[in-house]
Amino acid sequence: MEMKFERPLPQETPVTRPFWQGLRDGCIRLQRCDDCGRWVFYPRSHCPHCLSEALSWHTASGSATLYTYTIARQPTAPHFAEEVPQRIAVVELEEGVRLTTTLVNVADGDIRIGMAVKPVFDRCSEDVTLLRFEPA
């Protein structure tokens, strides 16, 4: 008997709510420190650079480049068995932060480190939109 696993989805918290709401709205919202001016990702309550609590939310450009990637030809977990191969990537946004994501709408042979990528807002449910990237 084959077991079906429901894919886990991220859980919104009060700290991460503006990020997830931004994705639902079709934009990338990131924190920036009001004291040192540096961008912050992942969402948190203190700046990791200067420890200030003065973080505010801003809309990022969405422009990014592919920093690194791997192609997982075996499921990374039972929940993702139907998504093989997974094109797991780290992209660097124009604002300087790097985030882990997946690449979509690209053939394996066309993926190049340093290539320009743009966001794809993947609505998984009414409450959850995931951020993926495709060639720009």
C-alpha atoms as a PDB file:
ATOM      1  CA  MET A   1       0.000   0.000   0.000  1.00  0.00           C
ATOM      2  CA  GLU A   2       1.454   3.345  -1.088  1.00  0.00           C
ATOM      3  CA  MET A   3       1.258   6.089   1.520  1.00  0.00           C
ATOM      4  CA  LYS A   4       0.389   9.638   0.450  1.00  0.00           C
ATOM      5  CA  PHE A   5       2.000  12.439   2.395  1.00  0.00           C
ATOM      6  CA  GLU A   6       0.478  15.880   2.539  1.00  0.00           C
ATOM      7  CA  ARG A   7       3.047  18.491   1.610  1.00  0.00           C
ATOM      8  CA  PRO A   8       3.949  20.647   4.626  1.00  0.00           C
ATOM      9  CA  LEU A   9       3.308  24.352   4.210  1.00  0.00           C
ATOM     10  CA  PRO A  10       4.948  27.201   6.136  1.00  0.00           C
ATOM     11  CA  GLN A  11       3.200  28.495   9.222  1.00  0.00           C
ATOM     12  CA  GLU A  12       2.788  32.251   9.521  1.00  0.00           C
ATOM     13  CA  THR A  13       3.780  33.882  12.825  1.00  0.00           C
ATOM     14  CA  PRO A  14       3.316  37.475  13.994  1.00  0.00           C
ATOM     15  CA  VAL A  15       6.944  38.231  13.042  1.00  0.00           C
ATOM     16  CA  THR A  16       6.678  36.673   9.559  1.00  0.00           C
ATOM     17  CA  ARG A  17       3.134  37.845   8.723  1.00  0.00           C
ATOM     18  CA  PRO A  18       4.198  40.858   6.547  1.00  0.00           C
ATOM     19  CA  PHE A  19       6.471  38.602   4.461  1.00  0.00           C
ATOM     20  CA  TRP A  20       3.724  36.032   3.797  1.00  0.00           C
ATOM     21  CA  GLN A  21       1.116  38.725   3.181  1.00  0.00           C
ATOM     22  CA  GLY A  22       3.453  40.309   0.642  1.00  0.00           C
ATOM     23  CA  LEU A  23       3.709  37.033  -1.259  1.00  0.00           C
ATOM     24  CA  ARG A  24      -0.087  36.728  -1.252  1.00  0.00           C
ATOM     25  CA  ASP A  25      -0.182  40.294  -2.653  1.00  0.00           C
ATOM     26  CA  GLY A  26       2.354  39.411  -5.373  1.00  0.00           C
ATOM     27  CA  CYS A  27       5.409  41.197  -3.966  1.00  0.00           C
ATOM     28  CA  ILE A  28       8.443  40.435  -1.832  1.00  0.00           C
ATOM     29  CA  ARG A  29       8.505  42.334   1.463  1.00  0.00           C
ATOM     30  CA  LEU A  30      11.713  42.329   3.463  1.00  0.00           C
ATOM     31  CA  GLN A  31      12.835  43.917   6.674  1.00  0.00           C
ATOM     32  CA  ARG A  32      15.441  46.666   6.692  1.00  0.00           C
ATOM     33  CA  CYS A  33      17.121  47.972   9.817  1.00  0.00           C
ATOM     34  CA  ASP A  34      16.281  51.610  10.491  1.00  0.00           C
ATOM     35  CA  ASP A  35      19.535  52.023  12.445  1.00  0.00           C
ATOM     36  CA  CYS A  36      22.217  50.437  10.233  1.00  0.00           C
ATOM     37  CA  GLY A  37      20.274  50.391   6.950  1.00  0.00           C
ATOM     38  CA  ARG A  38      20.990  46.738   6.125  1.00  0.00           C
ATOM     39  CA  TRP A  39      18.405  44.378   4.648  1.00  0.00           C
ATOM     40  CA  VAL A  40      17.355  41.416   6.759  1.00  0.00           C
ATOM     41  CA  PHE A  41      16.124  37.978   5.731  1.00  0.00           C
ATOM     42  CA  TYR A  42      14.691  35.764   7.243  1.00  0.00           C
ATOM     43  CA  PRO A  43      12.115  37.798   9.237  1.00  0.00           C
ATOM     44  CA  ARG A  44      13.097  38.306  12.869  1.00  0.00           C
ATOM     45  CA  SER A  45      12.706  40.668  15.799  1.00  0.00           C
ATOM     46  CA  HIS A  46      16.301  42.027  15.885  1.00  0.00           C
ATOM     47  CA  CYS A  47      18.784  43.082  13.246  1.00  0.00           C
ATOM     48  CA  PRO A  48      21.464  40.364  12.933  1.00  0.00           C
ATOM     49  CA  HIS A  49      24.046  43.033  12.023  1.00  0.00           C
ATOM     50  CA  CYS A  50      23.672  45.599  14.831  1.00  0.00           C
ATOM     51  CA  LEU A  51      21.071  43.944  17.139  1.00  0.00           C
ATOM     52  CA  SER A  52      18.670  46.881  16.816  1.00  0.00           C
ATOM     53  CA  GLU A  53      14.959  46.222  17.263  1.00  0.00           C
ATOM     54  CA  ALA A  54      14.182  48.999  14.744  1.00  0.00           C
ATOM     55  CA  LEU A  55      13.209  46.863  11.752  1.00  0.00           C
ATOM     56  CA  SER A  56      10.691  48.065   9.189  1.00  0.00           C
ATOM     57  CA  TRP A  57       9.130  46.366   6.172  1.00  0.00           C
ATOM     58  CA  HIS A  58       9.842  47.433   2.579  1.00  0.00           C
ATOM     59  CA  THR A  59       8.948  46.057  -0.841  1.00  0.00           C
ATOM     60  CA  ALA A  60      11.957  44.538  -2.603  1.00  0.00           C
ATOM     61  CA  SER A  61      12.550  44.955  -6.313  1.00  0.00           C
ATOM     62  CA  GLY A  62      12.266  41.240  -7.072  1.00  0.00           C
ATOM     63  CA  SER A  63      15.372  41.390  -9.269  1.00  0.00           C
ATOM     64  CA  ALA A  64      17.693  38.520  -8.443  1.00  0.00           C
ATOM     65  CA  THR A  65      20.512  36.329  -9.673  1.00  0.00           C
ATOM     66  CA  LEU A  66      21.043  32.629  -9.175  1.00  0.00           C
ATOM     67  CA  TYR A  67      23.740  32.195  -6.519  1.00  0.00           C
ATOM     68  CA  THR A  68      23.817  28.373  -6.476  1.00  0.00           C
ATOM     69  CA  TYR A  69      21.576  25.385  -7.107  1.00  0.00           C
ATOM     70  CA  THR A  70      21.250  21.629  -7.083  1.00  0.00           C
ATOM     71  CA  ILE A  71      18.922  19.266  -8.859  1.00  0.00           C
ATOM     72  CA  ALA A  72      17.500  16.641  -6.507  1.00  0.00           C
ATOM     73  CA  ARG A  73      16.546  13.611  -8.551  1.00  0.00           C
ATOM     74  CA  GLN A  74      15.468  11.660  -5.483  1.00  0.00           C
ATOM     75  CA  PRO A  75      12.766  13.095  -3.191  1.00  0.00           C
ATOM     76  CA  THR A  76      14.253  15.214  -0.427  1.00  0.00           C
ATOM     77  CA  ALA A  77      11.394  13.995   1.792  1.00  0.00           C
ATOM     78  CA  PRO A  78       8.371  11.739   1.193  1.00  0.00           C
ATOM     79  CA  HIS A  79       6.194  14.860   0.928  1.00  0.00           C
ATOM     80  CA  PHE A  80       7.996  15.939  -2.239  1.00  0.00           C
ATOM     81  CA  ALA A  81       7.979  12.620  -4.146  1.00  0.00           C
ATOM     82  CA  GLU A  82       5.691  14.084  -6.825  1.00  0.00           C
ATOM     83  CA  GLU A  83       7.968  17.126  -7.361  1.00  0.00           C
ATOM     84  CA  VAL A  84      11.068  15.272  -8.584  1.00  0.00           C
ATOM     85  CA  PRO A  85      13.313  16.551  -9.963  1.00  0.00           C
ATOM     86  CA  GLN A  86      13.465  19.466  -7.538  1.00  0.00           C
ATOM     87  CA  ARG A  87      15.528  22.435  -8.697  1.00  0.00           C
ATOM     88  CA  ILE A  88      16.583  23.738  -5.301  1.00  0.00           C
ATOM     89  CA  ALA A  89      18.288  27.124  -5.446  1.00  0.00           C
ATOM     90  CA  VAL A  90      19.706  30.010  -3.497  1.00  0.00           C
ATOM     91  CA  VAL A  91      19.029  33.341  -5.164  1.00  0.00           C
ATOM     92  CA  GLU A  92      20.516  36.692  -4.261  1.00  0.00           C
ATOM     93  CA  LEU A  93      18.088  39.576  -4.424  1.00  0.00           C
ATOM     94  CA  GLU A  94      19.236  42.973  -5.679  1.00  0.00           C
ATOM     95  CA  GLU A  95      18.962  44.126  -2.046  1.00  0.00           C
ATOM     96  CA  GLY A  96      21.760  41.702  -1.097  1.00  0.00           C
ATOM     97  CA  VAL A  97      19.869  39.049   0.843  1.00  0.00           C
ATOM     98  CA  ARG A  98      19.978  35.411  -0.216  1.00  0.00           C
ATOM     99  CA  LEU A  99      17.044  33.072   0.057  1.00  0.00           C
ATOM    100  CA  THR A 100      16.443  29.407  -0.552  1.00  0.00           C
ATOM    101  CA  THR A 101      13.796  28.632  -3.137  1.00  0.00           C
ATOM    102  CA  THR A 102      13.052  26.410  -6.106  1.00  0.00           C
ATOM    103  CA  LEU A 103      13.440  27.163  -9.796  1.00  0.00           C
ATOM    104  CA  VAL A 104      10.478  26.674 -12.126  1.00  0.00           C
ATOM    105  CA  ASN A 105       9.825  27.007 -15.858  1.00  0.00           C
ATOM    106  CA  VAL A 106      13.413  26.171 -16.809  1.00  0.00           C
ATOM    107  CA  ALA A 107      15.085  23.109 -18.323  1.00  0.00           C
ATOM    108  CA  ASP A 108      17.939  21.613 -16.320  1.00  0.00           C
ATOM    109  CA  GLY A 109      20.440  22.325 -19.107  1.00  0.00           C
ATOM    110  CA  ASP A 110      19.510  26.015 -19.190  1.00  0.00           C
ATOM    111  CA  ILE A 111      20.304  26.699 -15.520  1.00  0.00           C
ATOM    112  CA  ARG A 112      23.444  28.808 -15.027  1.00  0.00           C
ATOM    113  CA  ILE A 113      24.900  30.273 -11.863  1.00  0.00           C
ATOM    114  CA  GLY A 114      24.708  34.063 -12.168  1.00  0.00           C
ATOM    115  CA  MET A 115      21.673  34.032 -14.465  1.00  0.00           C
ATOM    116  CA  ALA A 116      19.007  36.669 -13.893  1.00  0.00           C
ATOM    117  CA  VAL A 117      15.845  35.311 -12.298  1.00  0.00           C
ATOM    118  CA  LYS A 118      12.490  36.799 -11.382  1.00  0.00           C
ATOM    119  CA  PRO A 119       9.888  35.840  -8.790  1.00  0.00           C
ATOM    120  CA  VAL A 120       6.966  33.496  -9.364  1.00  0.00           C
ATOM    121  CA  PHE A 121       4.227  33.653  -6.742  1.00  0.00           C
ATOM    122  CA  ASP A 122       2.918  30.096  -6.352  1.00  0.00           C
ATOM    123  CA  ARG A 123      -0.469  30.188  -4.618  1.00  0.00           C
ATOM    124  CA  CYS A 124      -0.708  26.838  -2.790  1.00  0.00           C
ATOM    125  CA  SER A 125      -3.818  27.644  -0.783  1.00  0.00           C
ATOM    126  CA  GLU A 126      -5.892  30.639   0.227  1.00  0.00           C
ATOM    127  CA  ASP A 127      -3.444  31.319   3.053  1.00  0.00           C
ATOM    128  CA  VAL A 128      -0.087  30.286   1.580  1.00  0.00           C
ATOM    129  CA  THR A 129       1.798  31.613  -1.444  1.00  0.00           C
ATOM    130  CA  LEU A 130       5.311  30.265  -1.979  1.00  0.00           C
ATOM    131  CA  LEU A 131       8.116  32.221  -3.592  1.00  0.00           C
ATOM    132  CA  ARG A 132       9.764  30.478  -6.513  1.00  0.00           C
ATOM    133  CA  PHE A 133      11.946  31.885  -9.288  1.00  0.00           C
ATOM    134  CA  GLU A 134      12.214  31.501 -13.076  1.00  0.00           C
ATOM    135  CA  PRO A 135      14.613  32.907 -15.700  1.00  0.00           C
ATOM    136  CA  ALA A 136      14.152  36.653 -16.215  1.00  0.00           C
END
